């Protein structure tokens, strides 16, 4: 799958669809448009002149991290309670452990 990376920020899906390069405008071609923070998975439908892009999926990493930190705050999450004193690699694994705890909560 092709990925197009833009140097300027993508405002929303409509802005991303307006910036699709002509090289990718082939019927049923799926590709990603990203600015490093926001990522949109897009499928082109139709011909070069009469086609349009359809947004399949979007992701905003900055917003996800803000929401994750907000959830940690609301749940009273402290890594010392779960992992003990964290140093080195354990500090990197902290988010993975938090995601595991959230998934257990989702199941119940």
C-alpha atoms as a PDB file:
ATOM      1  CA  UNK A   1       0.000   0.000   0.000  1.00  0.00           C
ATOM      2  CA  UNK A   2       1.325   3.432  -0.944  1.00  0.00           C
ATOM      3  CA  UNK A   3       1.766   6.108   1.722  1.00  0.00           C
ATOM      4  CA  UNK A   4       1.941   9.803   0.890  1.00  0.00           C
ATOM      5  CA  UNK A   5       3.529  11.977   3.584  1.00  0.00           C
ATOM      6  CA  UNK A   6       2.859  15.707   3.588  1.00  0.00           C
ATOM      7  CA  UNK A   7       5.162  18.270   5.198  1.00  0.00           C
ATOM      8  CA  UNK A   8       2.250  20.539   6.109  1.00  0.00           C
ATOM      9  CA  UNK A   9      -0.508  19.605   8.538  1.00  0.00           C
ATOM     10  CA  UNK A  10      -3.677  17.985   7.219  1.00  0.00           C
ATOM     11  CA  UNK A  11      -6.674  19.820   8.669  1.00  0.00           C
ATOM     12  CA  UNK A  12      -9.293  17.120   8.120  1.00  0.00           C
ATOM     13  CA  UNK A  13     -10.396  14.391   5.704  1.00  0.00           C
ATOM     14  CA  UNK A  14     -11.727  16.896   3.174  1.00  0.00           C
ATOM     15  CA  UNK A  15      -8.343  18.649   3.067  1.00  0.00           C
ATOM     16  CA  UNK A  16      -6.560  15.299   2.664  1.00  0.00           C
ATOM     17  CA  UNK A  17      -8.849  14.265  -0.209  1.00  0.00           C
ATOM     18  CA  UNK A  18      -8.159  17.531  -2.021  1.00  0.00           C
ATOM     19  CA  UNK A  19      -4.403  16.818  -1.937  1.00  0.00           C
ATOM     20  CA  UNK A  20      -4.432  13.357  -3.536  1.00  0.00           C
ATOM     21  CA  UNK A  21      -1.686  13.134  -6.178  1.00  0.00           C
ATOM     22  CA  UNK A  22      -2.830  12.243  -9.708  1.00  0.00           C
ATOM     23  CA  UNK A  23      -0.500   9.223  -9.761  1.00  0.00           C
ATOM     24  CA  UNK A  24      -2.729   7.492  -7.189  1.00  0.00           C
ATOM     25  CA  UNK A  25      -6.041   8.248  -8.897  1.00  0.00           C
ATOM     26  CA  UNK A  26      -6.755   4.754 -10.230  1.00  0.00           C
ATOM     27  CA  UNK A  27     -10.054   2.924  -9.742  1.00  0.00           C
ATOM     28  CA  UNK A  28     -10.215   0.932  -6.462  1.00  0.00           C
ATOM     29  CA  UNK A  29      -6.661   1.887  -5.431  1.00  0.00           C
ATOM     30  CA  UNK A  30      -6.169   2.054  -1.644  1.00  0.00           C
ATOM     31  CA  UNK A  31      -3.468   4.261  -0.093  1.00  0.00           C
ATOM     32  CA  UNK A  32      -2.656   6.322   3.002  1.00  0.00           C
ATOM     33  CA  UNK A  33      -2.286  10.066   3.375  1.00  0.00           C
ATOM     34  CA  UNK A  34      -0.411  11.288   6.464  1.00  0.00           C
ATOM     35  CA  UNK A  35       1.292  14.306   7.943  1.00  0.00           C
ATOM     36  CA  UNK A  36       3.003  12.322  10.703  1.00  0.00           C
ATOM     37  CA  UNK A  37       0.225  12.998  13.205  1.00  0.00           C
ATOM     38  CA  UNK A  38      -3.018  12.389  11.310  1.00  0.00           C
ATOM     39  CA  UNK A  39      -3.343   9.382   9.023  1.00  0.00           C
ATOM     40  CA  UNK A  40      -6.187   8.740   6.579  1.00  0.00           C
ATOM     41  CA  UNK A  41      -6.708   5.493   4.669  1.00  0.00           C
ATOM     42  CA  UNK A  42      -8.360   6.349   1.347  1.00  0.00           C
ATOM     43  CA  UNK A  43      -9.774   4.456  -1.652  1.00  0.00           C
ATOM     44  CA  UNK A  44     -10.080   6.144  -5.046  1.00  0.00           C
ATOM     45  CA  UNK A  45     -13.289   5.310  -6.930  1.00  0.00           C
ATOM     46  CA  UNK A  46     -13.791   6.191 -10.581  1.00  0.00           C
ATOM     47  CA  UNK A  47     -11.576   7.591 -13.292  1.00  0.00           C
ATOM     48  CA  UNK A  48      -8.919  10.252 -13.076  1.00  0.00           C
ATOM     49  CA  UNK A  49     -11.246  13.057 -14.189  1.00  0.00           C
ATOM     50  CA  UNK A  50     -14.584  11.882 -12.786  1.00  0.00           C
ATOM     51  CA  UNK A  51     -13.564   9.940  -9.695  1.00  0.00           C
ATOM     52  CA  UNK A  52     -13.490  10.799  -6.026  1.00  0.00           C
ATOM     53  CA  UNK A  53     -11.669   9.703  -2.911  1.00  0.00           C
ATOM     54  CA  UNK A  54     -13.490   7.835  -0.165  1.00  0.00           C
ATOM     55  CA  UNK A  55     -12.157   7.961   3.385  1.00  0.00           C
ATOM     56  CA  UNK A  56     -11.971   4.466   4.875  1.00  0.00           C
ATOM     57  CA  UNK A  57     -10.272   5.125   8.197  1.00  0.00           C
ATOM     58  CA  UNK A  58      -8.632   7.996  10.059  1.00  0.00           C
ATOM     59  CA  UNK A  59      -6.318   8.225  13.052  1.00  0.00           C
ATOM     60  CA  UNK A  60      -5.012  11.186  15.036  1.00  0.00           C
ATOM     61  CA  UNK A  61      -2.061  10.175  17.243  1.00  0.00           C
ATOM     62  CA  UNK A  62      -1.991  13.450  19.172  1.00  0.00           C
ATOM     63  CA  UNK A  63      -5.666  13.139  20.114  1.00  0.00           C
ATOM     64  CA  UNK A  64      -5.230   9.475  21.094  1.00  0.00           C
ATOM     65  CA  UNK A  65      -2.360  10.336  23.451  1.00  0.00           C
ATOM     66  CA  UNK A  66      -4.349  13.183  25.020  1.00  0.00           C
ATOM     67  CA  UNK A  67      -7.308  10.860  25.624  1.00  0.00           C
ATOM     68  CA  UNK A  68      -5.054   8.146  27.050  1.00  0.00           C
ATOM     69  CA  UNK A  69      -3.489  10.608  29.510  1.00  0.00           C
ATOM     70  CA  UNK A  70      -6.959  11.845  30.463  1.00  0.00           C
ATOM     71  CA  UNK A  71      -8.083   8.248  31.134  1.00  0.00           C
ATOM     72  CA  UNK A  72      -5.008   7.644  33.279  1.00  0.00           C
ATOM     73  CA  UNK A  73      -5.852  10.737  35.294  1.00  0.00           C
ATOM     74  CA  UNK A  74      -9.521   9.767  35.744  1.00  0.00           C
ATOM     75  CA  UNK A  75      -8.679   6.192  36.744  1.00  0.00           C
ATOM     76  CA  UNK A  76      -5.994   7.308  39.197  1.00  0.00           C
ATOM     77  CA  UNK A  77      -3.426   5.230  37.301  1.00  0.00           C
ATOM     78  CA  UNK A  78       0.073   5.289  38.766  1.00  0.00           C
ATOM     79  CA  UNK A  79       2.782   3.151  37.260  1.00  0.00           C
ATOM     80  CA  UNK A  80       4.371   2.615  40.693  1.00  0.00           C
ATOM     81  CA  UNK A  81       1.243   0.757  41.843  1.00  0.00           C
ATOM     82  CA  UNK A  82       1.218  -1.534  38.820  1.00  0.00           C
ATOM     83  CA  UNK A  83       4.849  -1.968  37.834  1.00  0.00           C
ATOM     84  CA  UNK A  84       6.783  -0.801  40.908  1.00  0.00           C
ATOM     85  CA  UNK A  85       9.636   1.673  40.435  1.00  0.00           C
ATOM     86  CA  UNK A  86      10.186   1.864  36.693  1.00  0.00           C
ATOM     87  CA  UNK A  87      13.545   2.408  35.015  1.00  0.00           C
ATOM     88  CA  UNK A  88      14.853   1.840  31.499  1.00  0.00           C
ATOM     89  CA  UNK A  89      12.817  -0.573  29.386  1.00  0.00           C
ATOM     90  CA  UNK A  90      10.038  -0.813  31.961  1.00  0.00           C
ATOM     91  CA  UNK A  91       9.326   2.886  31.410  1.00  0.00           C
ATOM     92  CA  UNK A  92       8.735   2.106  27.720  1.00  0.00           C
ATOM     93  CA  UNK A  93       6.436  -0.806  28.609  1.00  0.00           C
ATOM     94  CA  UNK A  94       4.244   1.398  30.819  1.00  0.00           C
ATOM     95  CA  UNK A  95       1.779   2.296  28.060  1.00  0.00           C
ATOM     96  CA  UNK A  96       1.501  -1.345  26.997  1.00  0.00           C
ATOM     97  CA  UNK A  97       0.618  -2.321  30.564  1.00  0.00           C
ATOM     98  CA  UNK A  98      -1.954   0.486  30.757  1.00  0.00           C
ATOM     99  CA  UNK A  99      -3.544  -0.673  27.501  1.00  0.00           C
ATOM    100  CA  UNK A 100      -3.730  -4.189  28.925  1.00  0.00           C
ATOM    101  CA  UNK A 101      -5.530  -2.905  32.023  1.00  0.00           C
ATOM    102  CA  UNK A 102      -7.994  -0.935  29.907  1.00  0.00           C
ATOM    103  CA  UNK A 103      -8.759  -3.974  27.740  1.00  0.00           C
ATOM    104  CA  UNK A 104      -9.471  -6.056  30.854  1.00  0.00           C
ATOM    105  CA  UNK A 105     -11.874  -3.352  32.029  1.00  0.00           C
ATOM    106  CA  UNK A 106     -13.597  -3.305  28.622  1.00  0.00           C
ATOM    107  CA  UNK A 107     -14.304  -7.066  28.854  1.00  0.00           C
ATOM    108  CA  UNK A 108     -16.041  -6.791  32.245  1.00  0.00           C
END
